[in-house]
Protein backbone atom coordinates (compact mmCIF):
# COMPACT_ATOMS: atom_id res chain seq x y z
CA MET A 1 20.06 -196.63 -23.94
CA THR A 2 20.46 -200.42 -24.48
CA ILE A 3 18.21 -203.41 -24.77
CA GLN A 4 16.91 -204.39 -21.32
CA LEU A 5 14.92 -207.51 -22.42
CA VAL A 6 15.41 -209.82 -25.40
CA GLY A 7 12.28 -211.54 -26.73
CA ALA A 8 12.88 -215.07 -28.15
CA GLY A 9 9.22 -216.03 -28.73
CA LEU A 10 7.95 -216.28 -32.20
CA GLY A 11 5.31 -214.05 -33.63
CA ARG A 12 1.64 -214.65 -32.57
CA THR A 13 2.57 -215.42 -29.00
CA GLY A 14 1.10 -212.13 -27.63
CA THR A 15 4.04 -210.11 -28.80
CA MET A 16 2.10 -206.95 -29.71
CA SER A 17 0.56 -206.86 -26.20
CA LEU A 18 4.02 -207.51 -24.67
CA LYS A 19 5.41 -204.58 -26.70
CA LEU A 20 2.89 -202.25 -25.23
CA ALA A 21 3.40 -203.58 -21.72
CA LEU A 22 7.20 -203.39 -21.98
CA GLU A 23 6.94 -199.80 -23.23
CA ARG A 24 4.74 -198.93 -20.32
CA LEU A 25 7.24 -200.58 -17.87
CA LEU A 26 10.46 -199.22 -19.39
CA GLY A 27 9.33 -195.87 -20.63
CA GLY A 28 10.84 -196.29 -24.03
CA THR A 29 10.19 -198.13 -27.36
CA CYS A 30 10.12 -201.92 -27.66
CA HIS A 31 11.13 -203.26 -31.08
CA HIS A 32 8.59 -205.44 -32.93
CA MET A 33 7.93 -206.20 -36.56
CA MET A 34 5.61 -203.16 -36.53
CA GLU A 35 8.69 -201.01 -36.07
CA VAL A 36 10.31 -202.41 -39.21
CA PHE A 37 7.21 -201.54 -41.17
CA SER A 38 7.63 -197.84 -39.85
CA HIS A 39 11.37 -197.79 -40.38
CA ARG A 40 12.21 -199.39 -43.70
CA ASP A 41 15.85 -198.45 -43.46
CA GLU A 42 16.08 -201.41 -41.06
CA VAL A 43 15.13 -203.95 -43.67
CA PRO A 44 18.55 -204.69 -45.18
CA PHE A 45 20.16 -205.00 -41.72
CA TRP A 46 17.58 -207.61 -40.61
CA HIS A 47 17.81 -209.36 -43.88
CA ALA A 48 21.54 -209.62 -43.50
CA ALA A 49 21.11 -210.85 -39.90
CA VAL A 50 18.72 -213.69 -40.75
CA ARG A 51 21.08 -214.78 -43.57
CA GLY A 52 23.75 -215.17 -40.84
CA GLU A 53 25.75 -212.13 -41.75
CA SER A 54 27.42 -210.02 -38.99
CA VAL A 55 25.24 -207.15 -37.86
CA ASP A 56 25.96 -204.48 -35.14
CA PHE A 57 22.85 -205.08 -33.05
CA PRO A 58 23.74 -202.45 -30.35
CA ALA A 59 23.86 -199.89 -33.19
CA LEU A 60 20.77 -201.10 -35.05
CA LEU A 61 18.71 -201.09 -31.88
CA ALA A 62 20.26 -198.03 -30.24
CA GLY A 63 16.81 -196.31 -30.02
CA TYR A 64 14.96 -199.26 -28.25
CA ASP A 65 14.68 -200.46 -24.75
CA ALA A 66 13.50 -204.09 -25.48
CA ILE A 67 12.80 -206.38 -28.49
CA VAL A 68 10.11 -208.96 -29.06
CA ASP A 69 8.51 -210.70 -32.01
CA TYR A 70 9.98 -211.00 -35.49
CA PRO A 71 12.48 -210.38 -36.93
CA GLY A 72 14.46 -210.51 -33.72
CA ALA A 73 13.06 -213.77 -32.65
CA ALA A 74 14.66 -215.44 -35.66
CA VAL A 75 18.10 -214.34 -34.44
CA TRP A 76 17.53 -214.71 -30.74
CA ARG A 77 21.01 -216.37 -30.20
CA GLU A 78 22.76 -213.33 -31.68
CA LEU A 79 20.71 -210.88 -29.70
CA ALA A 80 21.24 -212.74 -26.48
CA ALA A 81 24.89 -212.63 -27.08
CA SER A 82 24.87 -208.99 -28.08
CA PHE A 83 23.05 -208.00 -24.86
CA PRO A 84 24.30 -210.45 -22.25
CA ASP A 85 22.85 -208.58 -19.22
CA ALA A 86 19.29 -208.61 -20.60
CA PRO A 87 16.85 -211.34 -19.47
CA VAL A 88 15.32 -213.48 -22.31
CA LEU A 89 11.72 -213.76 -22.59
CA LEU A 90 10.27 -216.88 -24.22
CA SER A 91 6.65 -216.24 -25.06
CA THR A 92 4.62 -219.18 -26.15
CA ARG A 93 1.03 -220.35 -26.64
CA SER A 94 -0.65 -223.27 -24.76
CA SER A 95 0.22 -225.64 -27.55
CA ALA A 96 1.81 -225.92 -31.05
CA GLU A 97 -1.69 -226.39 -32.40
CA ALA A 98 -2.98 -223.11 -30.80
CA TRP A 99 0.03 -221.26 -32.16
CA TRP A 100 -0.50 -222.68 -35.73
CA GLU A 101 -4.23 -221.78 -35.63
CA SER A 102 -3.25 -218.12 -34.97
CA ALA A 103 -0.16 -217.92 -37.06
CA SER A 104 -1.60 -219.59 -40.16
CA ASN A 105 -4.47 -217.11 -40.31
CA THR A 106 -2.39 -214.07 -39.64
CA ILE A 107 1.39 -213.60 -40.19
CA LEU A 108 1.81 -216.70 -42.44
CA ALA A 109 -1.12 -215.51 -44.57
CA LEU A 110 0.59 -212.29 -45.61
CA ARG A 111 0.02 -211.47 -49.19
CA PRO A 112 3.25 -210.56 -51.17
CA ASP A 113 3.80 -206.79 -51.24
CA THR A 114 4.81 -206.14 -54.82
CA GLU A 115 5.64 -202.44 -53.88
CA ASP A 116 8.15 -203.53 -51.29
CA PRO A 117 10.04 -206.53 -52.58
CA ASP A 118 12.99 -206.03 -50.19
CA GLY A 119 10.53 -206.18 -47.25
CA ARG A 120 8.93 -209.26 -48.73
CA ASN A 121 12.23 -211.05 -49.17
CA MET A 122 13.32 -210.19 -45.63
CA ILE A 123 10.07 -211.59 -44.13
CA ASP A 124 10.50 -214.77 -46.34
CA ALA A 125 14.05 -215.14 -44.98
CA VAL A 126 12.85 -214.63 -41.36
CA PHE A 127 10.29 -217.51 -41.81
CA ALA A 128 12.73 -219.65 -43.62
CA ARG A 129 15.26 -219.42 -40.83
CA SER A 130 12.81 -219.94 -38.01
CA LEU A 131 10.17 -222.17 -39.58
CA GLY A 132 11.65 -223.88 -42.67
CA GLY A 133 10.88 -223.37 -46.32
CA ASP A 134 7.15 -224.13 -46.56
CA VAL A 135 4.98 -222.14 -44.13
CA THR A 136 1.91 -224.01 -45.48
CA ASP A 137 3.15 -227.35 -44.20
CA ARG A 138 1.20 -227.53 -40.87
CA ASP A 139 3.08 -230.48 -39.38
CA ALA A 140 6.52 -229.16 -40.33
CA VAL A 141 5.84 -225.61 -39.10
CA MET A 142 4.43 -226.88 -35.80
CA ALA A 143 7.54 -229.06 -35.36
CA ALA A 144 9.81 -225.94 -36.12
CA TYR A 145 7.84 -223.91 -33.51
CA GLU A 146 8.40 -226.70 -30.87
CA ALA A 147 12.12 -227.04 -31.87
CA HIS A 148 12.61 -223.33 -31.55
CA ASN A 149 11.04 -223.16 -28.09
CA ALA A 150 13.16 -226.22 -27.06
CA ALA A 151 16.32 -224.63 -28.25
CA VAL A 152 15.79 -221.43 -26.31
CA ARG A 153 14.99 -223.46 -23.16
CA SER A 154 18.06 -225.57 -23.52
CA GLU A 155 20.62 -222.85 -24.52
CA ILE A 156 19.67 -219.90 -22.24
CA PRO A 157 20.62 -220.40 -18.58
CA PRO A 158 17.58 -220.92 -16.25
CA GLU A 159 18.43 -217.86 -14.26
CA ARG A 160 18.30 -215.61 -17.36
CA LEU A 161 15.21 -217.17 -19.06
CA PHE A 162 11.58 -216.60 -18.18
CA GLU A 163 8.55 -217.84 -20.01
CA TYR A 164 5.27 -216.04 -20.80
CA GLN A 165 1.91 -216.96 -22.25
CA PRO A 166 -0.90 -214.66 -23.21
CA GLY A 167 -2.98 -213.93 -20.04
CA ASP A 168 -0.11 -214.16 -17.60
CA GLY A 169 -0.39 -210.36 -16.88
CA TRP A 170 2.21 -208.04 -15.32
CA ALA A 171 3.84 -210.27 -12.74
CA PRO A 172 6.37 -212.27 -14.84
CA LEU A 173 7.59 -209.16 -16.72
CA CYS A 174 7.92 -207.08 -13.56
CA ALA A 175 9.79 -209.85 -11.82
CA ALA A 176 12.22 -210.22 -14.59
CA LEU A 177 12.80 -206.51 -14.91
CA GLY A 178 12.76 -205.77 -11.18
CA VAL A 179 10.09 -203.14 -11.45
CA PRO A 180 6.66 -202.79 -9.56
CA GLU A 181 3.47 -203.85 -11.17
CA PRO A 182 1.41 -201.05 -12.61
CA ASP A 183 -2.00 -200.49 -11.17
CA GLU A 184 -3.92 -200.79 -14.46
CA PRO A 185 -5.02 -203.57 -16.85
CA PHE A 186 -2.47 -205.41 -18.93
CA PRO A 187 -2.76 -204.40 -22.59
CA HIS A 188 -4.43 -206.75 -24.94
CA THR A 189 -4.33 -206.01 -28.76
CA ASN A 190 -3.68 -207.33 -32.21
CA THR A 191 -6.23 -210.11 -32.14
CA ARG A 192 -6.46 -212.34 -35.22
CA GLU A 193 -9.49 -210.31 -36.35
CA GLU A 194 -7.68 -206.97 -35.79
CA PHE A 195 -4.57 -208.29 -37.71
CA ARG A 196 -6.50 -209.47 -40.70
CA GLU A 197 -8.59 -206.25 -40.95
CA ARG A 198 -5.56 -204.12 -40.75
CA LEU A 199 -3.90 -205.92 -43.59
CA GLY A 200 -7.12 -206.25 -45.71
CA LEU A 201 -7.02 -210.03 -45.52
CA ASP A 202 -10.29 -211.88 -46.15
CA ASP A 203 -12.00 -213.84 -43.26
CA PRO A 204 -10.54 -217.38 -43.58
CA THR A 205 -14.04 -218.78 -42.72
């Protein structure tokens, strides 16, 4: 088993729905931050990776068929190099403002987990690498989001890169993977409301 698709899109770009869709198409497990929450032994390896240390990604991801979302999106260059035959998926939202509106009310609003300081430190390092130091600075974070997407577009060869936005359905994924489209609805999950309810976050309004 090896990674058949590398996701370079940041969190809150439909990545949980993409995880479910890729698992349906590939028949295995797609890595996502939710997997790290379930496999805490991965935390030191991801923390090392986002600090720029050498990590054996084929070994770390040996049980997975694809990867999307954080923490992988923070080290997309290393993942793309580790799995050179895998297409690279850049998931985005319609605008930086739309992404900020979602991210600032979900993943960037995570409360510190005092019972898991290693996990908290890893997440802080992921955000620092991909978004800069202050995730409350709206303009700086949106600029980092746009710079991230621009870097992926400029560094990944066009024949290897494909882009995706929530609502695009099965077609782009199936074309990239060379598999037929399932005769069933595309999964849609992890809305802002679902995310906040799962983590016990108050309604921002």
